[in-house]
């Protein structure tokens, strides 16, 4: 079994198994090969092909996820800066309330209560959304059906 790398290989993708382009048994004449040998070779090549496709898909997904993670770091930094700057915004709102004639402690208390109520509202909304999460029933059912089908097929093949 050989191996293949991407044409645009930059060293980040792993080597993927491939089907050899030359016969495995060069000394055996294809006309002299038995049906069982041909089936064994075909099964081997099909298995290699499926493994290669899975490895290729996995390596592509991993590469794309890495790009996404690297890009999301910038969003995380921006969100962190925004969250820290909200502290100054709420101080400015409290100072504005104090300038409107409230005691400074009352102004800060009002801003604090508004922040708590807002956090409570969003926590409640998040709880309602999370509570609706269910197990993927269709996927579970199809996997059970596939397992039952394969086990029945294996039992049927043993009986023959």
C-alpha atoms as a PDB file:
ATOM      1  CA  UNK A   1       0.000   0.000   0.000  1.00  0.00           C
ATOM      2  CA  UNK A   2       1.390   3.388  -0.936  1.00  0.00           C
ATOM      3  CA  UNK A   3       0.781   6.817   0.471  1.00  0.00           C
ATOM      4  CA  UNK A   4      -0.373  10.114  -0.975  1.00  0.00           C
ATOM      5  CA  UNK A   5       0.072  13.724   0.060  1.00  0.00           C
ATOM      6  CA  UNK A   6      -1.920  16.714  -1.133  1.00  0.00           C
ATOM      7  CA  UNK A   7      -0.652  18.469  -4.248  1.00  0.00           C
ATOM      8  CA  UNK A   8      -0.547  21.664  -2.200  1.00  0.00           C
ATOM      9  CA  UNK A   9       1.290  19.898   0.616  1.00  0.00           C
ATOM     10  CA  UNK A  10       2.767  22.404   3.001  1.00  0.00           C
ATOM     11  CA  UNK A  11       3.772  19.783   5.514  1.00  0.00           C
ATOM     12  CA  UNK A  12       0.692  20.186   7.698  1.00  0.00           C
ATOM     13  CA  UNK A  13      -1.399  17.362   6.253  1.00  0.00           C
ATOM     14  CA  UNK A  14      -0.673  13.756   7.231  1.00  0.00           C
ATOM     15  CA  UNK A  15       0.204  11.060   4.743  1.00  0.00           C
ATOM     16  CA  UNK A  16      -2.914   9.239   3.553  1.00  0.00           C
ATOM     17  CA  UNK A  17      -2.913   5.551   2.487  1.00  0.00           C
ATOM     18  CA  UNK A  18      -3.679   4.962  -1.180  1.00  0.00           C
ATOM     19  CA  UNK A  19      -4.384   2.119  -3.568  1.00  0.00           C
ATOM     20  CA  UNK A  20      -1.242   1.088  -5.459  1.00  0.00           C
ATOM     21  CA  UNK A  21      -1.342   1.628  -9.200  1.00  0.00           C
ATOM     22  CA  UNK A  22       0.584  -1.566  -9.879  1.00  0.00           C
ATOM     23  CA  UNK A  23      -0.633  -5.085  -9.081  1.00  0.00           C
ATOM     24  CA  UNK A  24       0.242  -6.401  -5.625  1.00  0.00           C
ATOM     25  CA  UNK A  25       1.325  -9.703  -7.063  1.00  0.00           C
ATOM     26  CA  UNK A  26       3.240  -8.917 -10.249  1.00  0.00           C
ATOM     27  CA  UNK A  27       4.309 -12.535 -10.614  1.00  0.00           C
ATOM     28  CA  UNK A  28       0.725 -13.890 -10.676  1.00  0.00           C
ATOM     29  CA  UNK A  29      -1.014 -13.849 -14.046  1.00  0.00           C
ATOM     30  CA  UNK A  30      -4.521 -12.304 -13.651  1.00  0.00           C
ATOM     31  CA  UNK A  31      -5.978 -15.163 -15.742  1.00  0.00           C
ATOM     32  CA  UNK A  32      -4.567 -17.731 -13.275  1.00  0.00           C
ATOM     33  CA  UNK A  33      -5.904 -15.952 -10.193  1.00  0.00           C
ATOM     34  CA  UNK A  34      -8.889 -17.500  -8.427  1.00  0.00           C
ATOM     35  CA  UNK A  35     -12.201 -15.753  -7.768  1.00  0.00           C
ATOM     36  CA  UNK A  36     -11.424 -15.818  -4.049  1.00  0.00           C
ATOM     37  CA  UNK A  37      -8.095 -14.061  -4.654  1.00  0.00           C
ATOM     38  CA  UNK A  38      -9.734 -11.444  -6.834  1.00  0.00           C
ATOM     39  CA  UNK A  39     -12.428 -10.837  -4.204  1.00  0.00           C
ATOM     40  CA  UNK A  40      -9.772 -10.625  -1.485  1.00  0.00           C
ATOM     41  CA  UNK A  41      -7.800  -8.075  -3.528  1.00  0.00           C
ATOM     42  CA  UNK A  42     -10.925  -6.076  -4.335  1.00  0.00           C
ATOM     43  CA  UNK A  43     -11.949  -6.078  -0.659  1.00  0.00           C
ATOM     44  CA  UNK A  44      -8.476  -5.016   0.386  1.00  0.00           C
ATOM     45  CA  UNK A  45      -8.413  -2.181  -2.140  1.00  0.00           C
ATOM     46  CA  UNK A  46     -11.923  -1.062  -1.210  1.00  0.00           C
ATOM     47  CA  UNK A  47     -10.988  -1.049   2.463  1.00  0.00           C
ATOM     48  CA  UNK A  48      -7.882   0.991   1.690  1.00  0.00           C
ATOM     49  CA  UNK A  49      -9.928   3.403  -0.404  1.00  0.00           C
ATOM     50  CA  UNK A  50     -12.483   3.914   2.378  1.00  0.00           C
ATOM     51  CA  UNK A  51      -9.737   4.429   4.968  1.00  0.00           C
ATOM     52  CA  UNK A  52      -8.010   6.912   2.667  1.00  0.00           C
ATOM     53  CA  UNK A  53     -11.228   8.865   2.152  1.00  0.00           C
ATOM     54  CA  UNK A  54     -11.883   8.966   5.903  1.00  0.00           C
ATOM     55  CA  UNK A  55      -8.319  10.110   6.598  1.00  0.00           C
ATOM     56  CA  UNK A  56      -8.564  12.788   3.909  1.00  0.00           C
ATOM     57  CA  UNK A  57     -11.871  14.069   5.293  1.00  0.00           C
ATOM     58  CA  UNK A  58     -10.470  14.045   8.824  1.00  0.00           C
ATOM     59  CA  UNK A  59      -7.344  15.951   7.824  1.00  0.00           C
ATOM     60  CA  UNK A  60      -9.385  18.544   5.908  1.00  0.00           C
ATOM     61  CA  UNK A  61     -11.774  19.043   8.827  1.00  0.00           C
ATOM     62  CA  UNK A  62      -8.894  19.369  11.290  1.00  0.00           C
ATOM     63  CA  UNK A  63      -7.213  21.959   9.068  1.00  0.00           C
ATOM     64  CA  UNK A  64     -10.434  23.976   8.774  1.00  0.00           C
ATOM     65  CA  UNK A  65     -11.079  23.780  12.522  1.00  0.00           C
ATOM     66  CA  UNK A  66      -7.570  25.073  13.173  1.00  0.00           C
ATOM     67  CA  UNK A  67      -8.236  28.036  10.873  1.00  0.00           C
ATOM     68  CA  UNK A  68     -11.480  28.714  12.711  1.00  0.00           C
ATOM     69  CA  UNK A  69      -9.791  28.569  16.112  1.00  0.00           C
ATOM     70  CA  UNK A  70      -7.060  30.940  14.996  1.00  0.00           C
ATOM     71  CA  UNK A  71      -9.651  33.375  13.653  1.00  0.00           C
ATOM     72  CA  UNK A  72     -11.813  33.124  16.749  1.00  0.00           C
ATOM     73  CA  UNK A  73      -8.897  34.241  18.942  1.00  0.00           C
ATOM     74  CA  UNK A  74      -9.306  37.738  17.502  1.00  0.00           C
ATOM     75  CA  UNK A  75     -13.012  37.715  18.334  1.00  0.00           C
ATOM     76  CA  UNK A  76     -12.227  36.568  21.880  1.00  0.00           C
ATOM     77  CA  UNK A  77      -9.721  39.407  22.327  1.00  0.00           C
ATOM     78  CA  UNK A  78     -12.246  41.928  20.984  1.00  0.00           C
ATOM     79  CA  UNK A  79     -14.963  40.572  23.290  1.00  0.00           C
ATOM     80  CA  UNK A  80     -12.615  40.745  26.284  1.00  0.00           C
ATOM     81  CA  UNK A  81     -11.764  44.376  25.552  1.00  0.00           C
ATOM     82  CA  UNK A  82     -15.477  45.138  25.123  1.00  0.00           C
ATOM     83  CA  UNK A  83     -16.321  43.514  28.449  1.00  0.00           C
ATOM     84  CA  UNK A  84     -13.622  45.461  30.271  1.00  0.00           C
ATOM     85  CA  UNK A  85     -14.769  48.710  28.651  1.00  0.00           C
ATOM     86  CA  UNK A  86     -18.340  48.098  29.871  1.00  0.00           C
ATOM     87  CA  UNK A  87     -17.054  48.751  33.377  1.00  0.00           C
ATOM     88  CA  UNK A  88     -16.275  52.346  32.365  1.00  0.00           C
ATOM     89  CA  UNK A  89     -19.603  52.707  30.594  1.00  0.00           C
ATOM     90  CA  UNK A  90     -21.530  51.711  33.711  1.00  0.00           C
ATOM     91  CA  UNK A  91     -19.419  54.063  35.829  1.00  0.00           C
ATOM     92  CA  UNK A  92     -20.263  56.858  33.404  1.00  0.00           C
ATOM     93  CA  UNK A  93     -23.988  56.039  33.669  1.00  0.00           C
ATOM     94  CA  UNK A  94     -23.755  56.098  37.480  1.00  0.00           C
ATOM     95  CA  UNK A  95     -21.926  59.431  37.391  1.00  0.00           C
ATOM     96  CA  UNK A  96     -24.582  60.814  35.042  1.00  0.00           C
ATOM     97  CA  UNK A  97     -27.298  59.763  37.505  1.00  0.00           C
ATOM     98  CA  UNK A  98     -25.313  61.400  40.310  1.00  0.00           C
ATOM     99  CA  UNK A  99     -25.054  64.620  38.265  1.00  0.00           C
ATOM    100  CA  UNK A 100     -28.843  64.558  37.828  1.00  0.00           C
ATOM    101  CA  UNK A 101     -29.246  64.995  41.568  1.00  0.00           C
ATOM    102  CA  UNK A 102     -29.104  61.510  43.065  1.00  0.00           C
ATOM    103  CA  UNK A 103     -26.711  60.607  45.801  1.00  0.00           C
ATOM    104  CA  UNK A 104     -23.600  59.002  44.366  1.00  0.00           C
ATOM    105  CA  UNK A 105     -24.221  55.771  46.329  1.00  0.00           C
ATOM    106  CA  UNK A 106     -27.834  55.613  45.104  1.00  0.00           C
ATOM    107  CA  UNK A 107     -26.723  56.140  41.484  1.00  0.00           C
ATOM    108  CA  UNK A 108     -24.189  53.304  41.706  1.00  0.00           C
ATOM    109  CA  UNK A 109     -26.767  51.102  43.456  1.00  0.00           C
ATOM    110  CA  UNK A 110     -29.304  51.697  40.672  1.00  0.00           C
ATOM    111  CA  UNK A 111     -26.747  50.812  37.985  1.00  0.00           C
ATOM    112  CA  UNK A 112     -25.766  47.698  39.936  1.00  0.00           C
ATOM    113  CA  UNK A 113     -29.401  46.567  40.250  1.00  0.00           C
ATOM    114  CA  UNK A 114     -30.032  47.156  36.531  1.00  0.00           C
ATOM    115  CA  UNK A 115     -26.945  45.064  35.742  1.00  0.00           C
ATOM    116  CA  UNK A 116     -28.132  42.261  38.061  1.00  0.00           C
ATOM    117  CA  UNK A 117     -31.624  42.263  36.541  1.00  0.00           C
ATOM    118  CA  UNK A 118     -30.186  42.166  33.014  1.00  0.00           C
ATOM    119  CA  UNK A 119     -27.832  39.299  33.937  1.00  0.00           C
ATOM    120  CA  UNK A 120     -30.748  37.438  35.550  1.00  0.00           C
ATOM    121  CA  UNK A 121     -32.908  37.913  32.437  1.00  0.00           C
ATOM    122  CA  UNK A 122     -30.203  36.554  30.135  1.00  0.00           C
ATOM    123  CA  UNK A 123     -29.499  33.645  32.521  1.00  0.00           C
ATOM    124  CA  UNK A 124     -33.213  32.773  32.469  1.00  0.00           C
ATOM    125  CA  UNK A 125     -33.340  32.945  28.660  1.00  0.00           C
ATOM    126  CA  UNK A 126     -30.221  30.759  28.435  1.00  0.00           C
ATOM    127  CA  UNK A 127     -31.719  28.240  30.860  1.00  0.00           C
ATOM    128  CA  UNK A 128     -34.866  28.006  28.744  1.00  0.00           C
ATOM    129  CA  UNK A 129     -32.804  27.352  25.591  1.00  0.00           C
ATOM    130  CA  UNK A 130     -30.541  24.773  27.253  1.00  0.00           C
ATOM    131  CA  UNK A 131     -33.511  22.975  28.776  1.00  0.00           C
ATOM    132  CA  UNK A 132     -34.827  22.296  25.254  1.00  0.00           C
ATOM    133  CA  UNK A 133     -31.712  20.333  24.250  1.00  0.00           C
ATOM    134  CA  UNK A 134     -32.551  16.707  23.543  1.00  0.00           C
ATOM    135  CA  UNK A 135     -30.591  13.650  22.484  1.00  0.00           C
ATOM    136  CA  UNK A 136     -30.385  13.125  18.700  1.00  0.00           C
ATOM    137  CA  UNK A 137     -33.167  10.520  18.573  1.00  0.00           C
ATOM    138  CA  UNK A 138     -33.117   9.918  14.810  1.00  0.00           C
ATOM    139  CA  UNK A 139     -29.370   9.308  14.832  1.00  0.00           C
ATOM    140  CA  UNK A 140     -29.668   6.941  17.789  1.00  0.00           C
ATOM    141  CA  UNK A 141     -32.497   5.042  16.071  1.00  0.00           C
ATOM    142  CA  UNK A 142     -30.628   4.706  12.775  1.00  0.00           C
ATOM    143  CA  UNK A 143     -27.483   3.524  14.568  1.00  0.00           C
ATOM    144  CA  UNK A 144     -29.529   0.917  16.457  1.00  0.00           C
ATOM    145  CA  UNK A 145     -31.176  -0.167  13.203  1.00  0.00           C
ATOM    146  CA  UNK A 146     -27.782  -0.433  11.494  1.00  0.00           C
ATOM    147  CA  UNK A 147     -26.352  -2.446  14.388  1.00  0.00           C
ATOM    148  CA  UNK A 148     -29.374  -4.770  14.381  1.00  0.00           C
ATOM    149  CA  UNK A 149     -29.147  -5.189  10.609  1.00  0.00           C
ATOM    150  CA  UNK A 150     -25.434  -5.981  10.749  1.00  0.00           C
ATOM    151  CA  UNK A 151     -25.857  -8.423  13.623  1.00  0.00           C
ATOM    152  CA  UNK A 152     -28.723 -10.175  11.806  1.00  0.00           C
ATOM    153  CA  UNK A 153     -26.639 -10.265   8.625  1.00  0.00           C
ATOM    154  CA  UNK A 154     -23.733 -11.799  10.528  1.00  0.00           C
ATOM    155  CA  UNK A 155     -26.006 -14.451  12.040  1.00  0.00           C
ATOM    156  CA  UNK A 156     -27.498 -15.198   8.625  1.00  0.00           C
ATOM    157  CA  UNK A 157     -24.017 -15.551   7.072  1.00  0.00           C
ATOM    158  CA  UNK A 158     -22.978 -17.951   9.851  1.00  0.00           C
ATOM    159  CA  UNK A 159     -25.958 -20.171   9.154  1.00  0.00           C
ATOM    160  CA  UNK A 160     -25.026 -20.610   5.454  1.00  0.00           C
END
